[in-house]
Amino acid sequence: MRPTDRTGLAIVLSLIALALFDAMGLVIKLLSDRYSAVELSAWRNLFGLFPAMIALMAARSWRTAGRPLRIRQWKLALLRGLIVTMAQLCFYASLAVLAFATAATISYSNALFMTALAVPLLGEKVGRLRWGAVVIGFVGVILIVRPGTDVFTPYALLPLGAAVCYALVGVTSRMIDDDVPSPLISLYSNVAALVASVLITLALGGFSPVASTAELGWLMAMGAFGGTAVLFLVVSYRMAEQSDLAPFSYFGIPMAFILGWIFFDETPWQQLFPGALLIIAGGLMIIWRERKIRQSS
């Protein structure tokens, strides 16, 4: 355990980050009647820059190194931003057409895809237990999406695409040099995602006019919620081991259900269960196995 480990506080910060991510999702769903997914992505990345810069300036290792902005693998860092843009487009579009809890729950399958993608991209060896966990979680996704049935909607593939993209972002972050501060990697991704989303928005006809000061406030809140959530996650993962915090990420599923029920009167019980439980079970099995491997090494 590192001297800086403060697991209890880190858990609290990570749970606050989950709440902020869900708050961002609520605002996106609220604004989706007025703005397209790519416009919302652009606004999110614009106002999310400020928490990202705060996180970077607060990074002691970055200040000690002389505040460098250029990194050796800058192309990979920018590529991650383009992948973030695709993830945002998929997830934000899904919030406009699916129940809030349904879109959020499917997106939480990213831990399963991270395990699968780590094999070809990182050369990791995944044993039968972790592959079994991936299969269990994916069965949960299938039970929610329900392909081939009358209740299937192609829109359910959007949060699944977001989960794959977010998993790819997570895996590629481990391909960047260890001495690069996490906030600097996040800033690269944020800037690249901002440029990409703005260019796509302009190519599709431009931005919708902001109708009121209140609406601008919601757009700013959306970016602040998302950016601050990332900031809190960065801080929490620097205070404690990821394996100690990862199980708490699944609190986001019941949290999303409760928020969708309160704000949008959505109660998709039949669609979510038992699929959501299998996604959680598969993710927790992967986390448990990775923790055992780390402890034995």
Protein backbone atom coordinates (compact mmCIF):
# COMPACT_ATOMS: atom_id res chain seq x y z
CA MET A 1 0.00 0.00 0.00
CA ARG A 2 1.30 3.46 -0.89
CA PRO A 3 1.76 6.11 1.80
CA THR A 4 -0.77 8.30 0.04
CA ASP A 5 -3.49 5.65 0.24
CA ARG A 6 -6.65 6.99 1.85
CA THR A 7 -9.13 4.41 0.67
CA GLY A 8 -12.16 5.69 2.57
CA LEU A 9 -11.92 9.21 1.16
CA ALA A 10 -11.13 7.81 -2.30
CA ILE A 11 -14.31 5.72 -2.22
CA VAL A 12 -16.36 8.79 -1.28
CA LEU A 13 -14.82 10.79 -4.12
CA SER A 14 -15.47 8.01 -6.63
CA LEU A 15 -19.12 7.78 -5.53
CA ILE A 16 -19.47 11.56 -5.91
CA ALA A 17 -17.99 11.18 -9.40
CA LEU A 18 -20.66 8.59 -10.22
CA ALA A 19 -23.37 10.96 -9.02
CA LEU A 20 -21.89 13.75 -11.16
CA PHE A 21 -21.76 11.50 -14.24
CA ASP A 22 -25.41 10.62 -13.70
CA ALA A 23 -26.25 14.30 -13.22
CA MET A 24 -24.53 15.01 -16.53
CA GLY A 25 -26.62 12.27 -18.15
CA LEU A 26 -29.81 13.77 -16.75
CA VAL A 27 -28.97 17.17 -18.23
CA ILE A 28 -28.12 15.57 -21.58
CA LYS A 29 -31.46 13.75 -21.64
CA LEU A 30 -33.23 16.99 -20.67
CA LEU A 31 -31.54 18.94 -23.49
CA SER A 32 -31.71 16.23 -26.16
CA ASP A 33 -34.97 17.66 -27.56
CA ARG A 34 -33.17 20.93 -28.36
CA TYR A 35 -29.67 19.79 -29.29
CA SER A 36 -28.18 16.91 -31.24
CA ALA A 37 -25.81 14.43 -29.64
CA VAL A 38 -22.79 15.96 -31.39
CA GLU A 39 -23.72 19.47 -30.23
CA LEU A 40 -24.03 18.25 -26.66
CA SER A 41 -20.66 16.54 -27.04
CA ALA A 42 -19.08 19.82 -28.15
CA TRP A 43 -20.58 21.78 -25.25
CA ARG A 44 -19.60 19.04 -22.80
CA ASN A 45 -15.99 19.07 -23.98
CA LEU A 46 -15.78 22.87 -24.02
CA PHE A 47 -16.92 23.40 -20.44
CA GLY A 48 -15.20 20.19 -19.34
CA LEU A 49 -11.85 21.74 -20.22
CA PHE A 50 -11.77 23.82 -17.05
CA PRO A 51 -11.86 20.94 -14.53
CA ALA A 52 -9.34 19.09 -16.72
CA MET A 53 -6.92 22.03 -16.54
CA ILE A 54 -7.44 22.30 -12.78
CA ALA A 55 -6.58 18.61 -12.41
CA LEU A 56 -3.41 19.08 -14.45
CA MET A 57 -2.26 22.14 -12.51
CA ALA A 58 -2.85 20.25 -9.27
CA ALA A 59 -0.69 17.30 -10.38
CA ARG A 60 2.52 17.47 -8.34
CA SER A 61 4.47 15.21 -10.71
CA TRP A 62 3.65 17.52 -13.64
CA ARG A 63 4.76 20.64 -11.76
CA THR A 64 7.94 18.94 -10.55
CA ALA A 65 8.81 17.94 -14.12
CA GLY A 66 8.63 21.58 -15.25
CA ARG A 67 5.01 21.59 -16.51
CA PRO A 68 5.66 19.88 -19.88
CA LEU A 69 2.78 19.80 -22.35
CA ARG A 70 4.31 17.65 -25.08
CA ILE A 71 4.36 13.90 -24.60
CA ARG A 72 6.13 11.24 -26.64
CA GLN A 73 2.95 9.38 -27.60
CA TRP A 74 0.93 12.47 -28.48
CA LYS A 75 -0.66 10.80 -31.50
CA LEU A 76 -2.07 8.01 -29.35
CA ALA A 77 -3.28 10.56 -26.78
CA LEU A 78 -5.12 12.50 -29.48
CA LEU A 79 -6.52 9.28 -30.96
CA ARG A 80 -8.04 8.55 -27.58
CA GLY A 81 -9.86 11.86 -27.85
CA LEU A 82 -11.41 10.83 -31.16
CA ILE A 83 -12.55 7.58 -29.57
CA VAL A 84 -14.02 9.58 -26.68
CA THR A 85 -15.98 11.60 -29.24
CA MET A 86 -17.46 8.42 -30.72
CA ALA A 87 -18.32 7.14 -27.24
CA GLN A 88 -20.05 10.42 -26.39
CA LEU A 89 -22.03 10.46 -29.63
CA CYS A 90 -23.28 6.92 -29.04
CA PHE A 91 -24.13 7.44 -25.39
CA TYR A 92 -25.69 10.88 -25.75
CA ALA A 93 -27.82 9.72 -28.69
CA SER A 94 -28.99 6.72 -26.65
CA LEU A 95 -30.12 8.96 -23.80
CA ALA A 96 -32.48 10.74 -26.18
CA VAL A 97 -34.37 7.55 -27.13
CA LEU A 98 -33.89 5.01 -24.32
CA ALA A 99 -34.84 4.97 -20.67
CA PHE A 100 -32.11 6.62 -18.63
CA ALA A 101 -31.35 3.53 -16.55
CA THR A 102 -31.30 1.25 -19.60
CA ALA A 103 -28.73 3.35 -21.46
CA ALA A 104 -26.59 3.74 -18.33
CA THR A 105 -26.69 0.03 -17.43
CA ILE A 106 -25.62 -1.13 -20.88
CA SER A 107 -22.76 1.38 -20.85
CA TYR A 108 -21.46 -0.17 -17.61
CA SER A 109 -20.49 -3.26 -19.59
CA ASN A 110 -17.28 -1.45 -20.57
CA ALA A 111 -15.33 -3.41 -17.91
CA LEU A 112 -16.12 -6.60 -19.81
CA PHE A 113 -14.85 -5.18 -23.09
CA MET A 114 -11.73 -3.83 -21.41
CA THR A 115 -10.82 -7.39 -20.42
CA ALA A 116 -11.43 -8.67 -23.94
CA LEU A 117 -9.53 -5.82 -25.64
CA ALA A 118 -6.55 -6.19 -23.31
CA VAL A 119 -5.68 -9.47 -25.04
CA PRO A 120 -4.98 -8.16 -28.59
CA LEU A 121 -3.88 -4.64 -27.61
CA LEU A 122 -1.80 -5.25 -24.48
CA GLY A 123 -0.88 -8.89 -24.95
CA GLU A 124 -2.40 -9.82 -21.60
CA LYS A 125 -3.20 -13.40 -20.76
CA VAL A 126 -6.81 -13.83 -19.68
CA GLY A 127 -7.64 -17.07 -17.91
CA ARG A 128 -10.82 -19.11 -18.01
CA LEU A 129 -12.31 -17.39 -14.96
CA ARG A 130 -12.07 -13.91 -16.45
CA TRP A 131 -13.30 -15.11 -19.85
CA GLY A 132 -16.20 -16.75 -18.04
CA ALA A 133 -16.92 -13.43 -16.33
CA VAL A 134 -16.92 -11.68 -19.71
CA VAL A 135 -19.39 -14.25 -21.06
CA ILE A 136 -21.67 -13.87 -18.02
CA GLY A 137 -21.67 -10.10 -18.34
CA PHE A 138 -22.30 -10.23 -22.07
CA VAL A 139 -25.25 -12.56 -21.53
CA GLY A 140 -26.59 -9.84 -19.25
CA VAL A 141 -26.20 -7.30 -22.05
CA ILE A 142 -28.06 -9.61 -24.45
CA LEU A 143 -30.91 -10.03 -21.95
CA ILE A 144 -31.29 -6.24 -21.82
CA VAL A 145 -30.91 -5.58 -25.55
CA ARG A 146 -32.98 -8.69 -26.50
CA PRO A 147 -31.98 -9.04 -30.14
CA GLY A 148 -34.43 -11.00 -32.30
CA THR A 149 -37.46 -10.23 -30.13
CA ASP A 150 -40.37 -7.86 -30.68
CA VAL A 151 -39.11 -5.50 -27.99
CA PHE A 152 -35.65 -5.13 -29.59
CA THR A 153 -34.73 -1.65 -30.77
CA PRO A 154 -31.54 -0.85 -32.72
CA TYR A 155 -31.10 2.16 -30.43
CA ALA A 156 -30.06 -0.26 -27.67
CA LEU A 157 -26.86 -0.85 -29.65
CA LEU A 158 -25.83 2.79 -29.11
CA PRO A 159 -24.85 2.46 -25.41
CA LEU A 160 -23.21 -0.85 -26.29
CA GLY A 161 -21.07 0.98 -28.85
CA ALA A 162 -20.31 3.60 -26.20
CA ALA A 163 -19.20 0.84 -23.81
CA VAL A 164 -16.81 -0.56 -26.42
CA CYS A 165 -15.37 2.90 -27.11
CA TYR A 166 -14.95 3.73 -23.42
CA ALA A 167 -13.25 0.36 -22.93
CA LEU A 168 -10.90 1.16 -25.80
CA VAL A 169 -10.11 4.51 -24.16
CA GLY A 170 -9.29 2.74 -20.91
CA VAL A 171 -7.08 0.11 -22.52
CA THR A 172 -5.14 2.60 -24.67
CA SER A 173 -4.42 4.74 -21.61
CA ARG A 174 -2.30 1.86 -20.34
CA MET A 175 -0.24 2.02 -23.54
CA ILE A 176 1.02 5.53 -22.71
CA ASP A 177 4.29 5.96 -20.78
CA ASP A 178 3.91 5.59 -17.02
CA ASP A 179 5.66 8.88 -16.28
CA VAL A 180 2.97 10.91 -18.09
CA PRO A 181 0.54 12.37 -15.52
CA SER A 182 -3.03 11.11 -15.87
CA PRO A 183 -4.48 14.66 -15.99
CA LEU A 184 -2.25 15.50 -18.97
CA ILE A 185 -3.53 12.42 -20.82
CA SER A 186 -7.08 13.49 -20.00
CA LEU A 187 -6.42 17.03 -21.22
CA TYR A 188 -5.11 15.73 -24.57
CA SER A 189 -8.23 13.61 -24.95
CA ASN A 190 -10.51 16.47 -23.94
CA VAL A 191 -8.96 18.88 -26.46
CA ALA A 192 -9.07 16.32 -29.28
CA ALA A 193 -12.68 15.44 -28.45
CA LEU A 194 -13.60 19.13 -28.42
CA VAL A 195 -12.04 19.79 -31.83
CA ALA A 196 -13.61 16.66 -33.34
CA SER A 197 -17.10 17.35 -31.99
CA VAL A 198 -17.00 21.00 -33.09
CA LEU A 199 -15.89 20.06 -36.62
CA ILE A 200 -18.60 17.39 -36.91
CA THR A 201 -21.22 19.85 -35.65
CA LEU A 202 -20.16 22.47 -38.21
CA ALA A 203 -20.15 19.85 -40.98
CA LEU A 204 -23.71 18.86 -40.08
CA GLY A 205 -25.05 22.40 -40.28
CA GLY A 206 -23.74 24.21 -37.25
CA PHE A 207 -24.84 24.84 -33.70
CA SER A 208 -28.42 25.43 -32.63
CA PRO A 209 -28.93 28.85 -31.06
CA VAL A 210 -28.97 28.91 -27.28
CA ALA A 211 -32.49 30.02 -26.47
CA SER A 212 -32.00 31.45 -22.99
CA THR A 213 -29.57 32.15 -20.19
CA ALA A 214 -31.06 29.23 -18.29
CA GLU A 215 -30.31 26.90 -21.19
CA LEU A 216 -26.72 28.15 -21.32
CA GLY A 217 -26.52 27.45 -17.61
CA TRP A 218 -27.61 23.85 -18.19
CA LEU A 219 -24.98 23.44 -20.91
CA MET A 220 -22.32 24.80 -18.59
CA ALA A 221 -23.54 22.54 -15.79
CA MET A 222 -23.37 19.52 -18.10
CA GLY A 223 -19.71 20.20 -18.90
CA ALA A 224 -18.89 21.02 -15.30
CA PHE A 225 -20.53 17.84 -14.03
CA GLY A 226 -18.66 15.65 -16.52
CA GLY A 227 -15.34 17.42 -16.15
CA THR A 228 -15.49 17.49 -12.35
CA ALA A 229 -16.42 13.81 -12.29
CA VAL A 230 -13.29 13.00 -14.29
CA LEU A 231 -11.27 15.20 -11.92
CA PHE A 232 -12.64 13.36 -8.85
CA LEU A 233 -11.89 9.99 -10.45
CA VAL A 234 -8.32 11.03 -11.19
CA VAL A 235 -7.85 12.16 -7.59
CA SER A 236 -9.47 9.04 -6.13
CA TYR A 237 -7.41 6.64 -8.25
CA ARG A 238 -4.25 8.40 -7.13
CA MET A 239 -5.25 7.94 -3.48
CA ALA A 240 -6.11 4.23 -3.55
CA GLU A 241 -5.72 1.10 -5.66
CA GLN A 242 -8.09 0.76 -8.60
CA SER A 243 -9.15 -2.69 -7.42
CA ASP A 244 -10.38 -1.14 -4.16
CA LEU A 245 -12.52 1.41 -5.98
CA ALA A 246 -13.78 -0.48 -9.04
CA PRO A 247 -16.52 -2.48 -7.23
CA PHE A 248 -18.19 0.76 -6.17
CA SER A 249 -18.58 1.84 -9.79
CA TYR A 250 -21.57 -0.49 -10.09
CA PHE A 251 -23.48 1.66 -7.62
CA GLY A 252 -24.10 3.77 -10.71
CA ILE A 253 -26.65 1.24 -11.99
CA PRO A 254 -29.20 1.51 -9.13
CA MET A 255 -28.41 5.23 -8.91
CA ALA A 256 -29.33 5.66 -12.59
CA PHE A 257 -32.52 3.67 -12.06
CA ILE A 258 -33.58 5.85 -9.12
CA LEU A 259 -32.78 9.10 -10.95
CA GLY A 260 -34.62 7.96 -14.09
CA TRP A 261 -37.63 7.12 -11.94
CA ILE A 262 -37.57 10.46 -10.08
CA PHE A 263 -36.95 12.80 -13.02
CA PHE A 264 -38.50 10.98 -16.00
CA ASP A 265 -40.96 8.56 -14.36
CA GLU A 266 -39.15 5.60 -15.97
CA THR A 267 -39.24 2.16 -14.34
CA PRO A 268 -37.80 -0.32 -16.87
CA TRP A 269 -37.79 -3.27 -14.42
CA GLN A 270 -38.61 -5.95 -16.98
CA GLN A 271 -35.98 -4.80 -19.45
CA LEU A 272 -33.15 -4.43 -16.92
CA PHE A 273 -33.51 -7.57 -14.81
CA PRO A 274 -31.91 -10.04 -14.58
CA GLY A 275 -29.52 -8.68 -17.23
CA ALA A 276 -28.23 -5.87 -15.00
CA LEU A 277 -27.40 -8.35 -12.26
CA LEU A 278 -25.34 -10.45 -14.69
CA ILE A 279 -23.41 -7.38 -15.88
CA ILE A 280 -22.60 -6.52 -12.26
CA ALA A 281 -21.67 -10.13 -11.48
CA GLY A 282 -19.36 -10.40 -14.49
CA GLY A 283 -17.66 -7.11 -13.68
CA LEU A 284 -17.14 -7.99 -10.03
CA MET A 285 -15.68 -11.38 -10.98
CA ILE A 286 -13.13 -9.65 -13.22
CA ILE A 287 -12.25 -7.15 -10.49
CA TRP A 288 -11.88 -9.92 -7.89
CA ARG A 289 -9.63 -11.98 -10.17
CA GLU A 290 -7.41 -9.02 -11.08
CA ARG A 291 -7.02 -8.18 -7.41
CA LYS A 292 -5.98 -11.76 -6.61
CA ILE A 293 -3.41 -11.68 -9.42
CA ARG A 294 -2.02 -8.36 -8.15
CA GLN A 295 -1.76 -9.65 -4.58
CA SER A 296 0.09 -12.79 -5.64
CA SER A 297 2.59 -10.97 -7.86
